[in-house]
Amino acid sequence: LLEAEGVAVVHGSAFGLGANFRISYAASEEILKEGGNRIQRF
């Protein structure tokens, strides 16, 4: 995801439980919309 769309998130196995990933939504609405759209595309 990072390589293809430039969206940085954290893999769930780092937190001891996968297959998941963590997203922080402590970001602007604009960034979240763009990030969500890129994830959908990926």
ModelCIF file with pLDDT and N, C-alpha, C, O atoms, coordinates in Angstrom:
data_MODEL
#
_entry.id   MODEL 
#
_entity.id                         1 
_entity.type                       polymer 
_entity.pdbx_number_of_molecules   1 
#
_entity_poly.entity_id                      1 
_entity_poly.type                           'polypeptide(L)' 
_entity_poly.nstd_linkage                   no 
_entity_poly.nstd_monomer                   no 
_entity_poly.pdbx_seq_one_letter_code       LLEAEGVAVVHGSAFGLGANFRISYAASEEILKEGGNRIQRF 
_entity_poly.pdbx_seq_one_letter_code_can   LLEAEGVAVVHGSAFGLGANFRISYAASEEILKEGGNRIQRF 
_entity_poly.pdbx_strand_id                 A 
#
loop_
_entity_poly_seq.entity_id 
_entity_poly_seq.num 
_entity_poly_seq.mon_id 
_entity_poly_seq.hetero 
1 1  LEU n 
1 2  LEU n 
1 3  GLU n 
1 4  ALA n 
1 5  GLU n 
1 6  GLY n 
1 7  VAL n 
1 8  ALA n 
1 9  VAL n 
1 10 VAL n 
1 11 HIS n 
1 12 GLY n 
1 13 SER n 
1 14 ALA n 
1 15 PHE n 
1 16 GLY n 
1 17 LEU n 
1 18 GLY n 
1 19 ALA n 
1 20 ASN n 
1 21 PHE n 
1 22 ARG n 
1 23 ILE n 
1 24 SER n 
1 25 TYR n 
1 26 ALA n 
1 27 ALA n 
1 28 SER n 
1 29 GLU n 
1 30 GLU n 
1 31 ILE n 
1 32 LEU n 
1 33 LYS n 
1 34 GLU n 
1 35 GLY n 
1 36 GLY n 
1 37 ASN n 
1 38 ARG n 
1 39 ILE n 
1 40 GLN n 
1 41 ARG n 
1 42 PHE n 
#
_struct_asym.id          A 
_struct_asym.entity_id   1 
#
loop_
_ma_qa_metric.id 
_ma_qa_metric.mode 
_ma_qa_metric.name 
_ma_qa_metric.software_group_id 
_ma_qa_metric.type 
1 global pLDDT . pLDDT 
2 local  pLDDT . pLDDT 
#
_ma_qa_metric_global.metric_id      1 
_ma_qa_metric_global.metric_value   96.26 
_ma_qa_metric_global.model_id       1 
_ma_qa_metric_global.ordinal_id     1 
#
loop_
_ma_qa_metric_local.label_asym_id 
_ma_qa_metric_local.label_comp_id 
_ma_qa_metric_local.label_seq_id 
_ma_qa_metric_local.metric_id 
_ma_qa_metric_local.metric_value 
_ma_qa_metric_local.model_id 
_ma_qa_metric_local.ordinal_id 
A LEU 1  2 96.00 1 1  
A LEU 2  2 93.00 1 2  
A GLU 3  2 90.00 1 3  
A ALA 4  2 94.00 1 4  
A GLU 5  2 96.00 1 5  
A GLY 6  2 95.00 1 6  
A VAL 7  2 96.00 1 7  
A ALA 8  2 94.00 1 8  
A VAL 9  2 96.00 1 9  
A VAL 10 2 95.00 1 10 
A HIS 11 2 95.00 1 11 
A GLY 12 2 97.00 1 12 
A SER 13 2 95.00 1 13 
A ALA 14 2 94.00 1 14 
A PHE 15 2 97.00 1 15 
A GLY 16 2 97.00 1 16 
A LEU 17 2 97.00 1 17 
A GLY 18 2 90.00 1 18 
A ALA 19 2 96.00 1 19 
A ASN 20 2 98.00 1 20 
A PHE 21 2 98.00 1 21 
A ARG 22 2 97.00 1 22 
A ILE 23 2 98.00 1 23 
A SER 24 2 97.00 1 24 
A TYR 25 2 98.00 1 25 
A ALA 26 2 96.00 1 26 
A ALA 27 2 95.00 1 27 
A SER 28 2 95.00 1 28 
A GLU 29 2 97.00 1 29 
A GLU 30 2 97.00 1 30 
A ILE 31 2 96.00 1 31 
A LEU 32 2 98.00 1 32 
A LYS 33 2 98.00 1 33 
A GLU 34 2 98.00 1 34 
A GLY 35 2 98.00 1 35 
A GLY 36 2 98.00 1 36 
A ASN 37 2 98.00 1 37 
A ARG 38 2 98.00 1 38 
A ILE 39 2 98.00 1 39 
A GLN 40 2 98.00 1 40 
A ARG 41 2 98.00 1 41 
A PHE 42 2 98.00 1 42 
#
loop_
_atom_site.group_PDB 
_atom_site.id 
_atom_site.type_symbol 
_atom_site.label_atom_id 
_atom_site.label_alt_id 
_atom_site.label_comp_id 
_atom_site.label_asym_id 
_atom_site.label_entity_id 
_atom_site.label_seq_id 
_atom_site.pdbx_PDB_ins_code 
_atom_site.Cartn_x 
_atom_site.Cartn_y 
_atom_site.Cartn_z 
_atom_site.occupancy 
_atom_site.B_iso_or_equiv 
_atom_site.pdbx_formal_charge 
_atom_site.auth_seq_id 
_atom_site.auth_comp_id 
_atom_site.auth_asym_id 
_atom_site.auth_atom_id 
_atom_site.pdbx_PDB_model_num 
ATOM 1   N N  . LEU A 1 1  ? 0.835   -1.203  0.000  1.00 96.00 ? 1  LEU A N  1 
ATOM 2   C CA . LEU A 1 1  ? 0.000   0.000   0.000  1.00 96.00 ? 1  LEU A CA 1 
ATOM 3   C C  . LEU A 1 1  ? 0.872   1.257   0.000  1.00 96.00 ? 1  LEU A C  1 
ATOM 4   O O  . LEU A 1 1  ? 0.598   2.207   -0.734 1.00 96.00 ? 1  LEU A O  1 
ATOM 5   N N  . LEU A 1 2  ? 1.912   1.259   0.817  1.00 93.00 ? 2  LEU A N  1 
ATOM 6   C CA . LEU A 1 2  ? 2.820   2.408   0.880  1.00 93.00 ? 2  LEU A CA 1 
ATOM 7   C C  . LEU A 1 2  ? 3.539   2.610   -0.451 1.00 93.00 ? 2  LEU A C  1 
ATOM 8   O O  . LEU A 1 2  ? 3.668   3.734   -0.937 1.00 93.00 ? 2  LEU A O  1 
ATOM 9   N N  . GLU A 1 3  ? 4.006   1.506   -1.031 1.00 90.00 ? 3  GLU A N  1 
ATOM 10  C CA . GLU A 1 3  ? 4.745   1.598   -2.291 1.00 90.00 ? 3  GLU A CA 1 
ATOM 11  C C  . GLU A 1 3  ? 3.849   2.014   -3.455 1.00 90.00 ? 3  GLU A C  1 
ATOM 12  O O  . GLU A 1 3  ? 4.264   2.791   -4.314 1.00 90.00 ? 3  GLU A O  1 
ATOM 13  N N  . ALA A 1 4  ? 2.627   1.499   -3.482 1.00 94.00 ? 4  ALA A N  1 
ATOM 14  C CA . ALA A 1 4  ? 1.740   1.748   -4.621 1.00 94.00 ? 4  ALA A CA 1 
ATOM 15  C C  . ALA A 1 4  ? 1.002   3.078   -4.526 1.00 94.00 ? 4  ALA A C  1 
ATOM 16  O O  . ALA A 1 4  ? 0.842   3.776   -5.528 1.00 94.00 ? 4  ALA A O  1 
ATOM 17  N N  . GLU A 1 5  ? 0.551   3.432   -3.321 1.00 96.00 ? 5  GLU A N  1 
ATOM 18  C CA . GLU A 1 5  ? -0.320  4.596   -3.177 1.00 96.00 ? 5  GLU A CA 1 
ATOM 19  C C  . GLU A 1 5  ? 0.212   5.654   -2.215 1.00 96.00 ? 5  GLU A C  1 
ATOM 20  O O  . GLU A 1 5  ? -0.398  6.712   -2.062 1.00 96.00 ? 5  GLU A O  1 
ATOM 21  N N  . GLY A 1 6  ? 1.337   5.382   -1.570 1.00 95.00 ? 6  GLY A N  1 
ATOM 22  C CA . GLY A 1 6  ? 1.912   6.372   -0.665 1.00 95.00 ? 6  GLY A CA 1 
ATOM 23  C C  . GLY A 1 6  ? 1.118   6.589   0.602  1.00 95.00 ? 6  GLY A C  1 
ATOM 24  O O  . GLY A 1 6  ? 1.152   7.678   1.175  1.00 95.00 ? 6  GLY A O  1 
ATOM 25  N N  . VAL A 1 7  ? 0.394   5.560   1.053  1.00 96.00 ? 7  VAL A N  1 
ATOM 26  C CA . VAL A 1 7  ? -0.382  5.654   2.296  1.00 96.00 ? 7  VAL A CA 1 
ATOM 27  C C  . VAL A 1 7  ? 0.327   4.835   3.367  1.00 96.00 ? 7  VAL A C  1 
ATOM 28  O O  . VAL A 1 7  ? 0.505   3.626   3.217  1.00 96.00 ? 7  VAL A O  1 
ATOM 29  N N  . ALA A 1 8  ? 0.728   5.496   4.444  1.00 94.00 ? 8  ALA A N  1 
ATOM 30  C CA . ALA A 1 8  ? 1.447   4.836   5.532  1.00 94.00 ? 8  ALA A CA 1 
ATOM 31  C C  . ALA A 1 8  ? 0.495   4.476   6.658  1.00 94.00 ? 8  ALA A C  1 
ATOM 32  O O  . ALA A 1 8  ? -0.090  5.352   7.294  1.00 94.00 ? 8  ALA A O  1 
ATOM 33  N N  . VAL A 1 9  ? 0.342   3.168   6.902  1.00 96.00 ? 9  VAL A N  1 
ATOM 34  C CA . VAL A 1 9  ? -0.430  2.649   8.028  1.00 96.00 ? 9  VAL A CA 1 
ATOM 35  C C  . VAL A 1 9  ? 0.448   1.610   8.726  1.00 96.00 ? 9  VAL A C  1 
ATOM 36  O O  . VAL A 1 9  ? 1.549   1.325   8.255  1.00 96.00 ? 9  VAL A O  1 
ATOM 37  N N  . VAL A 1 10 ? -0.014  1.046   9.827  1.00 95.00 ? 10 VAL A N  1 
ATOM 38  C CA . VAL A 1 10 ? 0.802   0.098   10.588 1.00 95.00 ? 10 VAL A CA 1 
ATOM 39  C C  . VAL A 1 10 ? 0.157   -1.283  10.541 1.00 95.00 ? 10 VAL A C  1 
ATOM 40  O O  . VAL A 1 10 ? -1.047  -1.424  10.755 1.00 95.00 ? 10 VAL A O  1 
ATOM 41  N N  . HIS A 1 11 ? 0.964   -2.295  10.261 1.00 95.00 ? 11 HIS A N  1 
ATOM 42  C CA . HIS A 1 11 ? 0.459   -3.664  10.167 1.00 95.00 ? 11 HIS A CA 1 
ATOM 43  C C  . HIS A 1 11 ? 0.033   -4.193  11.532 1.00 95.00 ? 11 HIS A C  1 
ATOM 44  O O  . HIS A 1 11 ? 0.655   -3.893  12.550 1.00 95.00 ? 11 HIS A O  1 
ATOM 45  N N  . GLY A 1 12 ? -1.031  -4.979  11.536 1.00 97.00 ? 12 GLY A N  1 
ATOM 46  C CA . GLY A 1 12 ? -1.597  -5.487  12.786 1.00 97.00 ? 12 GLY A CA 1 
ATOM 47  C C  . GLY A 1 12 ? -0.699  -6.453  13.520 1.00 97.00 ? 12 GLY A C  1 
ATOM 48  O O  . GLY A 1 12 ? -0.753  -6.523  14.748 1.00 97.00 ? 12 GLY A O  1 
ATOM 49  N N  . SER A 1 13 ? 0.132   -7.208  12.803 1.00 95.00 ? 13 SER A N  1 
ATOM 50  C CA . SER A 1 13 ? 1.006   -8.168  13.485 1.00 95.00 ? 13 SER A CA 1 
ATOM 51  C C  . SER A 1 13 ? 1.973   -7.470  14.428 1.00 95.00 ? 13 SER A C  1 
ATOM 52  O O  . SER A 1 13 ? 2.458   -8.090  15.375 1.00 95.00 ? 13 SER A O  1 
ATOM 53  N N  . ALA A 1 14 ? 2.267   -6.187  14.191 1.00 94.00 ? 14 ALA A N  1 
ATOM 54  C CA . ALA A 1 14 ? 3.112   -5.425  15.112 1.00 94.00 ? 14 ALA A CA 1 
ATOM 55  C C  . ALA A 1 14 ? 2.439   -5.254  16.472 1.00 94.00 ? 14 ALA A C  1 
ATOM 56  O O  . ALA A 1 14 ? 3.107   -5.071  17.490 1.00 94.00 ? 14 ALA A O  1 
ATOM 57  N N  . PHE A 1 15 ? 1.107   -5.315  16.475 1.00 97.00 ? 15 PHE A N  1 
ATOM 58  C CA . PHE A 1 15 ? 0.329   -5.184  17.705 1.00 97.00 ? 15 PHE A CA 1 
ATOM 59  C C  . PHE A 1 15 ? -0.111  -6.544  18.254 1.00 97.00 ? 15 PHE A C  1 
ATOM 60  O O  . PHE A 1 15 ? -0.906  -6.623  19.191 1.00 97.00 ? 15 PHE A O  1 
ATOM 61  N N  . GLY A 1 16 ? 0.416   -7.600  17.657 1.00 97.00 ? 16 GLY A N  1 
ATOM 62  C CA . GLY A 1 16 ? 0.147   -8.937  18.173 1.00 97.00 ? 16 GLY A CA 1 
ATOM 63  C C  . GLY A 1 16 ? -1.100  -9.600  17.645 1.00 97.00 ? 16 GLY A C  1 
ATOM 64  O O  . GLY A 1 16 ? -1.468  -10.673 18.121 1.00 97.00 ? 16 GLY A O  1 
ATOM 65  N N  . LEU A 1 17 ? -1.775  -8.987  16.657 1.00 97.00 ? 17 LEU A N  1 
ATOM 66  C CA . LEU A 1 17 ? -2.997  -9.603  16.140 1.00 97.00 ? 17 LEU A CA 1 
ATOM 67  C C  . LEU A 1 17 ? -3.242  -9.152  14.699 1.00 97.00 ? 17 LEU A C  1 
ATOM 68  O O  . LEU A 1 17 ? -3.440  -7.967  14.432 1.00 97.00 ? 17 LEU A O  1 
ATOM 69  N N  . GLY A 1 18 ? -3.225  -10.101 13.793 1.00 90.00 ? 18 GLY A N  1 
ATOM 70  C CA . GLY A 1 18 ? -3.525  -9.830  12.388 1.00 90.00 ? 18 GLY A CA 1 
ATOM 71  C C  . GLY A 1 18 ? -4.599  -10.820 11.937 1.00 90.00 ? 18 GLY A C  1 
ATOM 72  O O  . GLY A 1 18 ? -5.054  -11.633 12.741 1.00 90.00 ? 18 GLY A O  1 
ATOM 73  N N  . ALA A 1 19 ? -5.009  -10.769 10.687 1.00 96.00 ? 19 ALA A N  1 
ATOM 74  C CA . ALA A 1 19 ? -4.521  -9.879  9.643  1.00 96.00 ? 19 ALA A CA 1 
ATOM 75  C C  . ALA A 1 19 ? -5.335  -8.578  9.672  1.00 96.00 ? 19 ALA A C  1 
ATOM 76  O O  . ALA A 1 19 ? -6.463  -8.513  9.183  1.00 96.00 ? 19 ALA A O  1 
ATOM 77  N N  . ASN A 1 20 ? -4.731  -7.567  10.251 1.00 98.00 ? 20 ASN A N  1 
ATOM 78  C CA . ASN A 1 20 ? -5.352  -6.264  10.404 1.00 98.00 ? 20 ASN A CA 1 
ATOM 79  C C  . ASN A 1 20 ? -4.322  -5.191  10.117 1.00 98.00 ? 20 ASN A C  1 
ATOM 80  O O  . ASN A 1 20 ? -3.148  -5.487  9.897  1.00 98.00 ? 20 ASN A O  1 
ATOM 81  N N  . PHE A 1 21 ? -4.763  -3.951  10.121 1.00 98.00 ? 21 PHE A N  1 
ATOM 82  C CA . PHE A 1 21 ? -3.836  -2.824  10.097 1.00 98.00 ? 21 PHE A CA 1 
ATOM 83  C C  . PHE A 1 21 ? -4.464  -1.673  10.876 1.00 98.00 ? 21 PHE A C  1 
ATOM 84  O O  . PHE A 1 21 ? -5.684  -1.582  11.012 1.00 98.00 ? 21 PHE A O  1 
ATOM 85  N N  . ARG A 1 22 ? -3.602  -0.803  11.381 1.00 97.00 ? 22 ARG A N  1 
ATOM 86  C CA . ARG A 1 22 ? -4.091  0.317   12.183 1.00 97.00 ? 22 ARG A CA 1 
ATOM 87  C C  . ARG A 1 22 ? -3.983  1.615   11.400 1.00 97.00 ? 22 ARG A C  1 
ATOM 88  O O  . ARG A 1 22 ? -2.957  1.919   10.790 1.00 97.00 ? 22 ARG A O  1 
ATOM 89  N N  . ILE A 1 23 ? -5.063  2.363   11.437 1.00 98.00 ? 23 ILE A N  1 
ATOM 90  C CA . ILE A 1 23 ? -5.082  3.710   10.882 1.00 98.00 ? 23 ILE A CA 1 
ATOM 91  C C  . ILE A 1 23 ? -5.360  4.689   12.017 1.00 98.00 ? 23 ILE A C  1 
ATOM 92  O O  . ILE A 1 23 ? -6.265  4.477   12.825 1.00 98.00 ? 23 ILE A O  1 
ATOM 93  N N  . SER A 1 24 ? -4.577  5.756   12.069 1.00 97.00 ? 24 SER A N  1 
ATOM 94  C CA . SER A 1 24 ? -4.862  6.852   12.982 1.00 97.00 ? 24 SER A CA 1 
ATOM 95  C C  . SER A 1 24 ? -5.674  7.896   12.230 1.00 97.00 ? 24 SER A C  1 
ATOM 96  O O  . SER A 1 24 ? -5.265  8.369   11.170 1.00 97.00 ? 24 SER A O  1 
ATOM 97  N N  . TYR A 1 25 ? -6.827  8.250   12.787 1.00 98.00 ? 25 TYR A N  1 
ATOM 98  C CA . TYR A 1 25 ? -7.620  9.299   12.148 1.00 98.00 ? 25 TYR A CA 1 
ATOM 99  C C  . TYR A 1 25 ? -7.410  10.650  12.838 1.00 98.00 ? 25 TYR A C  1 
ATOM 100 O O  . TYR A 1 25 ? -8.269  11.531  12.794 1.00 98.00 ? 25 TYR A O  1 
ATOM 101 N N  . ALA A 1 26 ? -6.247  10.787  13.475 1.00 96.00 ? 26 ALA A N  1 
ATOM 102 C CA . ALA A 1 26 ? -5.825  12.087  13.997 1.00 96.00 ? 26 ALA A CA 1 
ATOM 103 C C  . ALA A 1 26 ? -5.187  12.871  12.845 1.00 96.00 ? 26 ALA A C  1 
ATOM 104 O O  . ALA A 1 26 ? -4.020  13.260  12.904 1.00 96.00 ? 26 ALA A O  1 
ATOM 105 N N  . ALA A 1 27 ? -5.971  13.086  11.819 1.00 95.00 ? 27 ALA A N  1 
ATOM 106 C CA . ALA A 1 27 ? -5.527  13.781  10.611 1.00 95.00 ? 27 ALA A CA 1 
ATOM 107 C C  . ALA A 1 27 ? -6.719  14.555  10.061 1.00 95.00 ? 27 ALA A C  1 
ATOM 108 O O  . ALA A 1 27 ? -7.860  14.299  10.445 1.00 95.00 ? 27 ALA A O  1 
ATOM 109 N N  . SER A 1 28 ? -6.459  15.490  9.172  1.00 95.00 ? 28 SER A N  1 
ATOM 110 C CA . SER A 1 28 ? -7.533  16.326  8.640  1.00 95.00 ? 28 SER A CA 1 
ATOM 111 C C  . SER A 1 28 ? -8.517  15.507  7.812  1.00 95.00 ? 28 SER A C  1 
ATOM 112 O O  . SER A 1 28 ? -8.196  14.422  7.328  1.00 95.00 ? 28 SER A O  1 
ATOM 113 N N  . GLU A 1 29 ? -9.711  16.047  7.663  1.00 97.00 ? 29 GLU A N  1 
ATOM 114 C CA . GLU A 1 29 ? -10.736 15.381  6.856  1.00 97.00 ? 29 GLU A CA 1 
ATOM 115 C C  . GLU A 1 29 ? -10.252 15.207  5.420  1.00 97.00 ? 29 GLU A C  1 
ATOM 116 O O  . GLU A 1 29 ? -10.519 14.184  4.788  1.00 97.00 ? 29 GLU A O  1 
ATOM 117 N N  . GLU A 1 30 ? -9.539  16.212  4.908  1.00 97.00 ? 30 GLU A N  1 
ATOM 118 C CA . GLU A 1 30 ? -9.017  16.141  3.543  1.00 97.00 ? 30 GLU A CA 1 
ATOM 119 C C  . GLU A 1 30 ? -8.046  14.967  3.376  1.00 97.00 ? 30 GLU A C  1 
ATOM 120 O O  . GLU A 1 30 ? -8.120  14.224  2.398  1.00 97.00 ? 30 GLU A O  1 
ATOM 121 N N  . ILE A 1 31 ? -7.141  14.814  4.340  1.00 96.00 ? 31 ILE A N  1 
ATOM 122 C CA . ILE A 1 31 ? -6.176  13.723  4.274  1.00 96.00 ? 31 ILE A CA 1 
ATOM 123 C C  . ILE A 1 31 ? -6.873  12.374  4.409  1.00 96.00 ? 31 ILE A C  1 
ATOM 124 O O  . ILE A 1 31 ? -6.527  11.424  3.705  1.00 96.00 ? 31 ILE A O  1 
ATOM 125 N N  . LEU A 1 32 ? -7.843  12.284  5.301  1.00 98.00 ? 32 LEU A N  1 
ATOM 126 C CA . LEU A 1 32 ? -8.565  11.024  5.489  1.00 98.00 ? 32 LEU A CA 1 
ATOM 127 C C  . LEU A 1 32 ? -9.338  10.631  4.230  1.00 98.00 ? 32 LEU A C  1 
ATOM 128 O O  . LEU A 1 32 ? -9.352  9.461   3.846  1.00 98.00 ? 32 LEU A O  1 
ATOM 129 N N  . LYS A 1 33 ? -9.978  11.608  3.592  1.00 98.00 ? 33 LYS A N  1 
ATOM 130 C CA . LYS A 1 33 ? -10.706 11.303  2.353  1.00 98.00 ? 33 LYS A CA 1 
ATOM 131 C C  . LYS A 1 33 ? -9.757  10.799  1.280  1.00 98.00 ? 33 LYS A C  1 
ATOM 132 O O  . LYS A 1 33 ? -10.031 9.798   0.618  1.00 98.00 ? 33 LYS A O  1 
ATOM 133 N N  . GLU A 1 34 ? -8.638  11.496  1.109  1.00 98.00 ? 34 GLU A N  1 
ATOM 134 C CA . GLU A 1 34 ? -7.676  11.083  0.094  1.00 98.00 ? 34 GLU A CA 1 
ATOM 135 C C  . GLU A 1 34 ? -7.079  9.717   0.434  1.00 98.00 ? 34 GLU A C  1 
ATOM 136 O O  . GLU A 1 34 ? -6.910  8.867   -0.440 1.00 98.00 ? 34 GLU A O  1 
ATOM 137 N N  . GLY A 1 35 ? -6.760  9.519   1.723  1.00 98.00 ? 35 GLY A N  1 
ATOM 138 C CA . GLY A 1 35 ? -6.211  8.227   2.145  1.00 98.00 ? 35 GLY A CA 1 
ATOM 139 C C  . GLY A 1 35 ? -7.206  7.101   1.915  1.00 98.00 ? 35 GLY A C  1 
ATOM 140 O O  . GLY A 1 35 ? -6.834  6.033   1.430  1.00 98.00 ? 35 GLY A O  1 
ATOM 141 N N  . GLY A 1 36 ? -8.471  7.335   2.260  1.00 98.00 ? 36 GLY A N  1 
ATOM 142 C CA . GLY A 1 36 ? -9.499  6.320   2.054  1.00 98.00 ? 36 GLY A CA 1 
ATOM 143 C C  . GLY A 1 36 ? -9.681  5.991   0.584  1.00 98.00 ? 36 GLY A C  1 
ATOM 144 O O  . GLY A 1 36 ? -9.846  4.827   0.218  1.00 98.00 ? 36 GLY A O  1 
ATOM 145 N N  . ASN A 1 37 ? -9.651  7.022   -0.263 1.00 98.00 ? 37 ASN A N  1 
ATOM 146 C CA . ASN A 1 37 ? -9.798  6.792   -1.700 1.00 98.00 ? 37 ASN A CA 1 
ATOM 147 C C  . ASN A 1 37 ? -8.611  6.000   -2.256 1.00 98.00 ? 37 ASN A C  1 
ATOM 148 O O  . ASN A 1 37 ? -8.785  5.131   -3.110 1.00 98.00 ? 37 ASN A O  1 
ATOM 149 N N  . ARG A 1 38 ? -7.418  6.304   -1.772 1.00 98.00 ? 38 ARG A N  1 
ATOM 150 C CA . ARG A 1 38 ? -6.232  5.568   -2.241 1.00 98.00 ? 38 ARG A CA 1 
ATOM 151 C C  . ARG A 1 38 ? -6.287  4.108   -1.798 1.00 98.00 ? 38 ARG A C  1 
ATOM 152 O O  . ARG A 1 38 ? -5.911  3.212   -2.553 1.00 98.00 ? 38 ARG A O  1 
ATOM 153 N N  . ILE A 1 39 ? -6.753  3.874   -0.582 1.00 98.00 ? 39 ILE A N  1 
ATOM 154 C CA . ILE A 1 39 ? -6.879  2.487   -0.102 1.00 98.00 ? 39 ILE A CA 1 
ATOM 155 C C  . ILE A 1 39 ? -7.896  1.731   -0.940 1.00 98.00 ? 39 ILE A C  1 
ATOM 156 O O  . ILE A 1 39 ? -7.671  0.576   -1.303 1.00 98.00 ? 39 ILE A O  1 
ATOM 157 N N  . GLN A 1 40 ? -9.024  2.383   -1.251 1.00 98.00 ? 40 GLN A N  1 
ATOM 158 C CA . GLN A 1 40 ? -10.023 1.748   -2.119 1.00 98.00 ? 40 GLN A CA 1 
ATOM 159 C C  . GLN A 1 40 ? -9.425  1.389   -3.475 1.00 98.00 ? 40 GLN A C  1 
ATOM 160 O O  . GLN A 1 40 ? -9.656  0.299   -3.998 1.00 98.00 ? 40 GLN A O  1 
ATOM 161 N N  . ARG A 1 41 ? -8.660  2.311   -4.033 1.00 98.00 ? 41 ARG A N  1 
ATOM 162 C CA . ARG A 1 41 ? -8.042  2.086   -5.347 1.00 98.00 ? 41 ARG A CA 1 
ATOM 163 C C  . ARG A 1 41 ? -7.042  0.919   -5.285 1.00 98.00 ? 41 ARG A C  1 
ATOM 164 O O  . ARG A 1 41 ? -7.001  0.074   -6.180 1.00 98.00 ? 41 ARG A O  1 
ATOM 165 N N  . PHE A 1 42 ? -6.245  0.890   -4.219 1.00 98.00 ? 42 PHE A N  1 
ATOM 166 C CA . PHE A 1 42 ? -5.256  -0.168  -4.072 1.00 98.00 ? 42 PHE A CA 1 
ATOM 167 C C  . PHE A 1 42 ? -5.934  -1.530  -3.933 1.00 98.00 ? 42 PHE A C  1 
ATOM 168 O O  . PHE A 1 42 ? -5.253  -2.547  -3.799 1.00 98.00 ? 42 PHE A O  1 
#
